C-alpha atoms as a PDB file:
ATOM      1  CA  MET A   1      -6.459 -13.129  16.664  1.00  0.00           C
ATOM      2  CA  MET A   2      -3.761 -15.321  15.276  1.00  0.00           C
ATOM      3  CA  LYS A   3      -0.133 -14.756  15.645  1.00  0.00           C
ATOM      4  CA  ASP A   4       0.930 -15.852  12.416  1.00  0.00           C
ATOM      5  CA  PHE A   5       3.517 -12.875  11.828  1.00  0.00           C
ATOM      6  CA  GLU A   6       5.583 -13.522  14.977  1.00  0.00           C
ATOM      7  CA  SER A   7       9.182 -12.880  14.479  1.00  0.00           C
ATOM      8  CA  ARG A   8       8.572 -10.857  10.938  1.00  0.00           C
ATOM      9  CA  ILE A   9       9.445  -7.080  10.773  1.00  0.00           C
ATOM     10  CA  ALA A  10       7.385  -5.129   8.316  1.00  0.00           C
ATOM     11  CA  ILE A  11       7.112  -1.880   6.770  1.00  0.00           C
ATOM     12  CA  VAL A  12       3.893  -0.284   5.727  1.00  0.00           C
ATOM     13  CA  THR A  13       4.063   3.144   3.783  1.00  0.00           C
ATOM     14  CA  GLY A  14       1.022   5.916   3.898  1.00  0.00           C
ATOM     15  CA  ALA A  15       0.626   3.818   7.467  1.00  0.00           C
ATOM     16  CA  GLY A  16      -0.576   7.416   9.194  1.00  0.00           C
ATOM     17  CA  SER A  17      -4.215   6.684   8.332  1.00  0.00           C
ATOM     18  CA  GLY A  18      -6.500   5.161   6.267  1.00  0.00           C
ATOM     19  CA  ILE A  19      -5.726   1.739   4.949  1.00  0.00           C
ATOM     20  CA  GLY A  20      -2.025   1.884   5.626  1.00  0.00           C
ATOM     21  CA  ALA A  21      -2.918   2.272   9.506  1.00  0.00           C
ATOM     22  CA  ALA A  22      -5.621  -0.579   9.293  1.00  0.00           C
ATOM     23  CA  ILE A  23      -2.793  -2.950   7.671  1.00  0.00           C
ATOM     24  CA  ALA A  24      -0.148  -1.788  10.016  1.00  0.00           C
ATOM     25  CA  ARG A  25      -2.217  -2.574  13.019  1.00  0.00           C
ATOM     26  CA  GLU A  26      -3.599  -5.784  11.837  1.00  0.00           C
ATOM     27  CA  LEU A  27      -0.063  -6.759  11.089  1.00  0.00           C
ATOM     28  CA  ALA A  28       1.120  -5.897  14.508  1.00  0.00           C
ATOM     29  CA  ALA A  29      -1.978  -7.573  16.148  1.00  0.00           C
ATOM     30  CA  ARG A  30      -0.878 -10.983  14.464  1.00  0.00           C
ATOM     31  CA  GLY A  31       2.562 -10.256  15.927  1.00  0.00           C
ATOM     32  CA  ALA A  32       4.715  -8.270  13.348  1.00  0.00           C
ATOM     33  CA  VAL A  33       7.293  -5.445  14.529  1.00  0.00           C
ATOM     34  CA  VAL A  34       6.103  -2.912  12.085  1.00  0.00           C
ATOM     35  CA  VAL A  35       7.550   0.284  11.000  1.00  0.00           C
ATOM     36  CA  ALA A  36       4.813   2.717  10.442  1.00  0.00           C
ATOM     37  CA  ALA A  37       6.065   5.297   7.610  1.00  0.00           C
ATOM     38  CA  ASP A  38       4.301   8.263   6.458  1.00  0.00           C
ATOM     39  CA  LEU A  39       5.112  11.806   5.043  1.00  0.00           C
ATOM     40  CA  ASP A  40       3.607  13.159   8.146  1.00  0.00           C
ATOM     41  CA  LEU A  41       5.445  11.786  10.996  1.00  0.00           C
ATOM     42  CA  ASP A  42       2.671  12.899  13.483  1.00  0.00           C
ATOM     43  CA  THR A  43       0.182  10.611  11.642  1.00  0.00           C
ATOM     44  CA  ALA A  44       2.901   7.704  11.668  1.00  0.00           C
ATOM     45  CA  GLU A  45       3.594   8.418  15.584  1.00  0.00           C
ATOM     46  CA  GLY A  46      -0.487   8.252  15.964  1.00  0.00           C
ATOM     47  CA  THR A  47      -0.392   4.654  14.511  1.00  0.00           C
ATOM     48  CA  ALA A  48       2.411   3.432  16.059  1.00  0.00           C
ATOM     49  CA  ALA A  49       1.227   4.736  19.459  1.00  0.00           C
ATOM     50  CA  ALA A  50      -2.148   3.174  18.934  1.00  0.00           C
ATOM     51  CA  ILE A  51      -0.314  -0.391  18.008  1.00  0.00           C
ATOM     52  CA  ARG A  52       1.643   0.195  21.491  1.00  0.00           C
ATOM     53  CA  THR A  53      -1.242   0.844  23.172  1.00  0.00           C
ATOM     54  CA  ASP A  54      -3.021  -2.446  21.980  1.00  0.00           C
ATOM     55  CA  GLY A  55       0.225  -4.517  23.119  1.00  0.00           C
ATOM     56  CA  GLY A  56       2.232  -4.581  19.775  1.00  0.00           C
ATOM     57  CA  THR A  57       5.332  -3.428  18.575  1.00  0.00           C
ATOM     58  CA  ALA A  58       5.924  -0.408  16.344  1.00  0.00           C
ATOM     59  CA  TYR A  59       7.851   2.209  15.258  1.00  0.00           C
ATOM     60  CA  ALA A  60       7.216   5.523  13.389  1.00  0.00           C
ATOM     61  CA  PHE A  61       9.486   6.916  10.386  1.00  0.00           C
ATOM     62  CA  ALA A  62       8.803   9.861   8.240  1.00  0.00           C
ATOM     63  CA  ALA A  63       9.307   8.834   4.869  1.00  0.00           C
ATOM     64  CA  ASP A  64       8.823  10.818   1.613  1.00  0.00           C
ATOM     65  CA  VAL A  65       8.420   7.817  -0.919  1.00  0.00           C
ATOM     66  CA  ALA A  66       8.885  10.070  -3.921  1.00  0.00           C
ATOM     67  CA  ASP A  67      12.395  10.722  -2.701  1.00  0.00           C
ATOM     68  CA  ALA A  68      15.068   7.575  -3.114  1.00  0.00           C
ATOM     69  CA  ALA A  69      17.128   8.401  -0.542  1.00  0.00           C
ATOM     70  CA  SER A  70      14.219   9.001   1.969  1.00  0.00           C
ATOM     71  CA  VAL A  71      12.973   5.255   1.023  1.00  0.00           C
ATOM     72  CA  GLU A  72      16.250   3.970   1.415  1.00  0.00           C
ATOM     73  CA  ARG A  73      16.681   5.415   4.815  1.00  0.00           C
ATOM     74  CA  MET A  74      13.452   3.821   5.821  1.00  0.00           C
ATOM     75  CA  VAL A  75      14.496   0.469   4.773  1.00  0.00           C
ATOM     76  CA  ALA A  76      17.929   1.157   6.543  1.00  0.00           C
ATOM     77  CA  PHE A  77      16.159   2.279   9.680  1.00  0.00           C
ATOM     78  CA  ALA A  78      13.739  -1.139   9.807  1.00  0.00           C
ATOM     79  CA  VAL A  79      16.892  -3.178   9.362  1.00  0.00           C
ATOM     80  CA  GLU A  80      19.107  -1.363  11.919  1.00  0.00           C
ATOM     81  CA  THR A  81      16.172  -0.851  14.460  1.00  0.00           C
ATOM     82  CA  CYS A  82      14.328  -4.218  14.220  1.00  0.00           C
ATOM     83  CA  GLY A  83      16.868  -6.771  12.899  1.00  0.00           C
ATOM     84  CA  GLY A  84      15.723  -7.215   9.357  1.00  0.00           C
ATOM     85  CA  LEU A  85      12.835  -6.964   7.189  1.00  0.00           C
ATOM     86  CA  HIS A  86      10.622  -9.786   5.851  1.00  0.00           C
ATOM     87  CA  LEU A  87       7.275  -7.866   4.882  1.00  0.00           C
ATOM     88  CA  ALA A  88       6.553  -4.426   2.951  1.00  0.00           C
ATOM     89  CA  VAL A  89       3.320  -2.981   1.942  1.00  0.00           C
ATOM     90  CA  ASN A  90       3.996  -0.027  -0.587  1.00  0.00           C
ATOM     91  CA  ASN A  91       0.842   2.033   0.320  1.00  0.00           C
ATOM     92  CA  ALA A  92       1.622   5.537   0.211  1.00  0.00           C
ATOM     93  CA  GLY A  93      -0.225   7.423  -2.777  1.00  0.00           C
ATOM     94  CA  ILE A  94      -1.970  10.584  -3.791  1.00  0.00           C
ATOM     95  CA  GLY A  95      -4.771  11.403  -6.113  1.00  0.00           C
ATOM     96  CA  GLY A  96      -3.574  14.193  -8.097  1.00  0.00           C
ATOM     97  CA  PRO A  97      -5.538  16.954 -10.392  1.00  0.00           C
ATOM     98  CA  ASN A  98      -8.950  16.290 -12.084  1.00  0.00           C
ATOM     99  CA  GLU A  99      -8.236  17.480 -15.593  1.00  0.00           C
ATOM    100  CA  LEU A 100      -8.508  16.089 -19.291  1.00  0.00           C
ATOM    101  CA  THR A 101      -5.414  14.506 -20.626  1.00  0.00           C
ATOM    102  CA  ALA A 102      -4.773  17.400 -22.764  1.00  0.00           C
ATOM    103  CA  ASP A 103      -5.083  20.075 -20.084  1.00  0.00           C
ATOM    104  CA  TYR A 104      -3.397  17.902 -17.456  1.00  0.00           C
ATOM    105  CA  PRO A 105      -0.751  20.051 -15.653  1.00  0.00           C
ATOM    106  CA  LEU A 106       2.729  18.953 -16.062  1.00  0.00           C
ATOM    107  CA  ASP A 107       3.902  19.462 -12.561  1.00  0.00           C
ATOM    108  CA  GLY A 108       0.476  17.250 -11.296  1.00  0.00           C
ATOM    109  CA  TRP A 109       1.330  14.564 -13.660  1.00  0.00           C
ATOM    110  CA  ARG A 110       5.146  14.530 -12.160  1.00  0.00           C
ATOM    111  CA  LYS A 111       3.896  14.480  -8.682  1.00  0.00           C
ATOM    112  CA  VAL A 112       1.539  11.862  -9.271  1.00  0.00           C
ATOM    113  CA  ILE A 113       3.974   9.501 -11.084  1.00  0.00           C
ATOM    114  CA  ASP A 114       6.772  10.233  -8.547  1.00  0.00           C
ATOM    115  CA  VAL A 115       4.580   9.247  -5.687  1.00  0.00           C
ATOM    116  CA  ASN A 116       2.345   6.496  -7.076  1.00  0.00           C
ATOM    117  CA  LEU A 117       4.689   4.888  -9.116  1.00  0.00           C
ATOM    118  CA  ASN A 118       8.382   5.917  -8.579  1.00  0.00           C
ATOM    119  CA  GLY A 119       7.534   5.465  -4.764  1.00  0.00           C
ATOM    120  CA  VAL A 120       6.779   1.860  -5.350  1.00  0.00           C
ATOM    121  CA  PHE A 121       9.694   1.308  -7.671  1.00  0.00           C
ATOM    122  CA  TYR A 122      11.880   2.806  -4.823  1.00  0.00           C
ATOM    123  CA  GLY A 123      10.341   0.991  -2.032  1.00  0.00           C
ATOM    124  CA  MET A 124      10.815  -2.613  -3.917  1.00  0.00           C
ATOM    125  CA  LYS A 125      14.419  -1.505  -4.995  1.00  0.00           C
ATOM    126  CA  TYR A 126      15.556  -1.320  -1.253  1.00  0.00           C
ATOM    127  CA  GLU A 127      13.040  -3.669   0.095  1.00  0.00           C
ATOM    128  CA  ILE A 128      13.844  -6.509  -1.652  1.00  0.00           C
ATOM    129  CA  THR A 129      17.566  -6.545  -1.046  1.00  0.00           C
ATOM    130  CA  ALA A 130      16.824  -6.605   2.802  1.00  0.00           C
ATOM    131  CA  ILE A 131      13.978  -8.976   2.480  1.00  0.00           C
ATOM    132  CA  LEU A 132      16.543 -11.146   0.701  1.00  0.00           C
ATOM    133  CA  LYS A 133      19.024 -11.024   3.075  1.00  0.00           C
ATOM    134  CA  SER A 134      16.442 -11.897   5.935  1.00  0.00           C
ATOM    135  CA  GLY A 135      15.709 -15.049   4.204  1.00  0.00           C
ATOM    136  CA  GLY A 136      12.555 -13.973   2.196  1.00  0.00           C
ATOM    137  CA  GLY A 137       9.256 -12.616   2.640  1.00  0.00           C
ATOM    138  CA  ALA A 138       6.337 -11.188   0.686  1.00  0.00           C
ATOM    139  CA  ILE A 139       5.351  -7.266  -0.578  1.00  0.00           C
ATOM    140  CA  VAL A 140       2.123  -6.221  -1.603  1.00  0.00           C
ATOM    141  CA  ASN A 141       2.054  -2.995  -3.668  1.00  0.00           C
ATOM    142  CA  MET A 142      -1.326  -0.877  -3.653  1.00  0.00           C
ATOM    143  CA  ALA A 143      -2.707  -0.589  -6.954  1.00  0.00           C
ATOM    144  CA  SER A 144      -6.652   0.445  -7.641  1.00  0.00           C
ATOM    145  CA  ILE A 145      -9.217  -0.617  -9.879  1.00  0.00           C
ATOM    146  CA  LEU A 146      -8.027   2.061 -11.863  1.00  0.00           C
ATOM    147  CA  GLY A 147      -4.792  -0.316 -12.283  1.00  0.00           C
ATOM    148  CA  SER A 148      -7.245  -2.473 -14.768  1.00  0.00           C
ATOM    149  CA  VAL A 149      -9.875  -0.029 -16.160  1.00  0.00           C
ATOM    150  CA  GLY A 150      -9.775   3.882 -16.883  1.00  0.00           C
ATOM    151  CA  TRP A 151     -11.173   7.100 -15.153  1.00  0.00           C
ATOM    152  CA  ALA A 152     -11.860  10.489 -17.089  1.00  0.00           C
ATOM    153  CA  ASP A 153      -9.885  13.404 -15.652  1.00  0.00           C
ATOM    154  CA  ALA A 154      -7.227  11.197 -14.192  1.00  0.00           C
ATOM    155  CA  CYS A 155      -4.654  10.179 -16.509  1.00  0.00           C
ATOM    156  CA  ALA A 156      -1.847  10.192 -14.353  1.00  0.00           C
ATOM    157  CA  TYR A 157      -3.567   8.401 -11.308  1.00  0.00           C
ATOM    158  CA  VAL A 158      -4.846   5.499 -14.065  1.00  0.00           C
ATOM    159  CA  ALA A 159      -1.257   5.636 -15.679  1.00  0.00           C
ATOM    160  CA  ALA A 160       0.561   5.125 -12.446  1.00  0.00           C
ATOM    161  CA  LYS A 161      -1.521   2.315 -10.959  1.00  0.00           C
ATOM    162  CA  HIS A 162      -1.573   0.249 -14.354  1.00  0.00           C
ATOM    163  CA  ALA A 163       1.926   0.559 -14.054  1.00  0.00           C
ATOM    164  CA  VAL A 164       2.193  -0.725 -10.801  1.00  0.00           C
ATOM    165  CA  VAL A 165       0.430  -3.857 -11.516  1.00  0.00           C
ATOM    166  CA  GLY A 166       3.303  -3.955 -14.416  1.00  0.00           C
ATOM    167  CA  LEU A 167       5.886  -3.578 -11.919  1.00  0.00           C
ATOM    168  CA  THR A 168       4.558  -5.966  -9.793  1.00  0.00           C
ATOM    169  CA  LYS A 169       4.200  -8.567 -12.074  1.00  0.00           C
ATOM    170  CA  THR A 170       7.894  -8.230 -13.612  1.00  0.00           C
ATOM    171  CA  ALA A 171       9.308  -8.443  -9.960  1.00  0.00           C
ATOM    172  CA  ALA A 172       7.212 -11.290  -9.008  1.00  0.00           C
ATOM    173  CA  VAL A 173       8.759 -13.358 -11.753  1.00  0.00           C
ATOM    174  CA  GLU A 174      12.199 -12.069 -11.035  1.00  0.00           C
ATOM    175  CA  TYR A 175      12.107 -13.164  -7.496  1.00  0.00           C
ATOM    176  CA  ALA A 176       9.724 -16.041  -7.429  1.00  0.00           C
ATOM    177  CA  THR A 177      12.702 -18.607  -6.953  1.00  0.00           C
ATOM    178  CA  GLN A 178      14.549 -16.573  -4.236  1.00  0.00           C
ATOM    179  CA  GLY A 179      11.812 -16.569  -1.528  1.00  0.00           C
ATOM    180  CA  ILE A 180       9.821 -13.309  -2.392  1.00  0.00           C
ATOM    181  CA  ARG A 181       6.621 -13.271  -3.379  1.00  0.00           C
ATOM    182  CA  ILE A 182       5.048  -9.971  -4.752  1.00  0.00           C
ATOM    183  CA  ASN A 183       1.494  -9.084  -5.353  1.00  0.00           C
ATOM    184  CA  ALA A 184      -0.933  -6.227  -6.099  1.00  0.00           C
ATOM    185  CA  MET A 185      -3.891  -4.805  -4.859  1.00  0.00           C
ATOM    186  CA  GLY A 186      -7.140  -3.352  -6.575  1.00  0.00           C
ATOM    187  CA  PRO A 187      -9.227  -1.586  -4.142  1.00  0.00           C
ATOM    188  CA  ALA A 188     -12.331   0.475  -5.419  1.00  0.00           C
ATOM    189  CA  PHE A 189     -13.530   3.234  -3.331  1.00  0.00           C
ATOM    190  CA  ILE A 190     -12.862   2.872   0.310  1.00  0.00           C
ATOM    191  CA  ASP A 191     -13.907   4.871   3.444  1.00  0.00           C
ATOM    192  CA  THR A 192     -10.853   6.768   4.400  1.00  0.00           C
ATOM    193  CA  PRO A 193      -9.960  10.292   5.368  1.00  0.00           C
ATOM    194  CA  LEU A 194      -8.619  10.737   1.715  1.00  0.00           C
ATOM    195  CA  LEU A 195     -11.934  10.282   0.440  1.00  0.00           C
ATOM    196  CA  THR A 196     -14.438  11.760   3.142  1.00  0.00           C
ATOM    197  CA  ASN A 197     -12.275  14.598   4.025  1.00  0.00           C
ATOM    198  CA  ASN A 198     -12.332  15.811   0.329  1.00  0.00           C
ATOM    199  CA  LEU A 199     -15.769  14.941  -0.902  1.00  0.00           C
ATOM    200  CA  ASP A 200     -19.232  15.910  -0.037  1.00  0.00           C
ATOM    201  CA  ALA A 201     -21.959  13.531   1.152  1.00  0.00           C
ATOM    202  CA  GLY A 202     -23.439  13.715  -2.090  1.00  0.00           C
ATOM    203  CA  THR A 203     -20.476  12.583  -4.046  1.00  0.00           C
ATOM    204  CA  ILE A 204     -19.764  10.133  -1.696  1.00  0.00           C
ATOM    205  CA  GLY A 205     -23.337   8.589  -2.037  1.00  0.00           C
ATOM    206  CA  GLN A 206     -22.798   8.581  -5.857  1.00  0.00           C
ATOM    207  CA  LEU A 207     -19.425   7.000  -5.759  1.00  0.00           C
ATOM    208  CA  ALA A 208     -21.104   4.350  -3.118  1.00  0.00           C
ATOM    209  CA  GLY A 209     -23.668   3.431  -5.886  1.00  0.00           C
ATOM    210  CA  LEU A 210     -20.897   2.762  -8.627  1.00  0.00           C
ATOM    211  CA  HIS A 211     -20.620  -0.538  -6.706  1.00  0.00           C
ATOM    212  CA  PRO A 212     -22.829  -3.494  -7.030  1.00  0.00           C
ATOM    213  CA  ILE A 213     -22.664  -4.060  -3.493  1.00  0.00           C
ATOM    214  CA  ASN A 214     -23.789  -0.222  -3.054  1.00  0.00           C
ATOM    215  CA  ARG A 215     -21.439   0.897  -0.469  1.00  0.00           C
ATOM    216  CA  LEU A 216     -17.795   2.000  -0.028  1.00  0.00           C
ATOM    217  CA  GLY A 217     -15.407  -0.595   1.257  1.00  0.00           C
ATOM    218  CA  SER A 218     -13.602  -0.451   4.520  1.00  0.00           C
ATOM    219  CA  PRO A 219      -9.919   0.071   5.442  1.00  0.00           C
ATOM    220  CA  GLN A 220     -10.266  -3.082   7.378  1.00  0.00           C
ATOM    221  CA  GLU A 221     -11.653  -5.409   4.433  1.00  0.00           C
ATOM    222  CA  VAL A 222      -8.529  -4.121   2.463  1.00  0.00           C
ATOM    223  CA  SER A 223      -6.301  -5.127   5.263  1.00  0.00           C
ATOM    224  CA  ALA A 224      -7.560  -8.614   5.558  1.00  0.00           C
ATOM    225  CA  LEU A 225      -6.900  -9.631   1.909  1.00  0.00           C
ATOM    226  CA  THR A 226      -3.511  -7.567   2.345  1.00  0.00           C
ATOM    227  CA  CYS A 227      -2.441  -9.667   5.338  1.00  0.00           C
ATOM    228  CA  PHE A 228      -3.412 -12.718   3.744  1.00  0.00           C
ATOM    229  CA  LEU A 229      -1.393 -12.418   0.908  1.00  0.00           C
ATOM    230  CA  LEU A 230       1.405 -11.442   3.150  1.00  0.00           C
ATOM    231  CA  SER A 231       0.977 -14.663   5.038  1.00  0.00           C
ATOM    232  CA  ASP A 232       2.388 -18.184   4.644  1.00  0.00           C
ATOM    233  CA  ARG A 233      -1.096 -19.267   3.563  1.00  0.00           C
ATOM    234  CA  ALA A 234      -0.823 -17.558   0.273  1.00  0.00           C
ATOM    235  CA  SER A 235       2.377 -19.151  -0.634  1.00  0.00           C
ATOM    236  CA  PHE A 236       1.315 -20.443  -3.623  1.00  0.00           C
ATOM    237  CA  ILE A 237       0.201 -16.688  -4.901  1.00  0.00           C
ATOM    238  CA  THR A 238       2.567 -14.352  -6.614  1.00  0.00           C
ATOM    239  CA  GLY A 239       2.395 -11.820  -9.393  1.00  0.00           C
ATOM    240  CA  SER A 240      -1.016 -11.378  -9.230  1.00  0.00           C
ATOM    241  CA  TYR A 241      -3.506  -8.322  -8.885  1.00  0.00           C
ATOM    242  CA  HIS A 242      -6.390  -8.899  -6.643  1.00  0.00           C
ATOM    243  CA  LEU A 243      -9.546  -6.775  -7.051  1.00  0.00           C
ATOM    244  CA  ILE A 244     -11.405  -5.788  -3.938  1.00  0.00           C
ATOM    245  CA  ASP A 245     -14.181  -3.521  -5.220  1.00  0.00           C
ATOM    246  CA  GLY A 246     -17.479  -4.526  -4.241  1.00  0.00           C
ATOM    247  CA  GLY A 247     -18.219  -5.802  -7.823  1.00  0.00           C
ATOM    248  CA  TYR A 248     -17.104  -2.310  -9.602  1.00  0.00           C
ATOM    249  CA  THR A 249     -14.982  -4.159 -12.227  1.00  0.00           C
ATOM    250  CA  ALA A 250     -17.585  -7.028 -12.777  1.00  0.00           C
ATOM    251  CA  ARG A 251     -20.261  -4.734 -14.749  1.00  0.00           C
END
């Protein structure tokens, strides 16, 4: 595997499993020093340990992205421990309640917005400052296909992911001439523990059938595009929202 991220320092949130773990491992395999951050420190440690076993360099950090102070500490940890920050993937997220809009619980709304939207804002607020001090770099924010379409019974999730796309575009315009590229990803249904641990086989099969390609995506497929957007090969790409959805939104 190419070592195009050598001398780069990266933060990945939600790195304990699924998409975040895949991205953290690919970045490290390609030479980056990775801070694997997750609300669950044990899972973050698991990802960091796997990276070290594979010969990479990684540190685990327990971060609650819904808490601005926790995110600030995460970025400070990366700078103090690794010497700076060049790359960030704001991937941490939750699903939330399944209720019609009029019946949606207020506490559920607040929690989804806190994690899925505010967490991305807090991430960029502190990451951008650190990346500027390190001479520039790139950020990828994990949105969803639900950043472009609706989904019944998920008003908070859909609202947050639409907002992440807008937040990404705004920050990209603001920092385009300062050496930071910022893009968003829009995965469809991906084969991760968040999905497979909470749904039965029949439901998962139905979800797979919603994609013209007739299967779920893999975390590695999302990681491949994410790492491309973080790389210098994507040097003319910023402010974009990239669907990786097996044709879902083409219908």
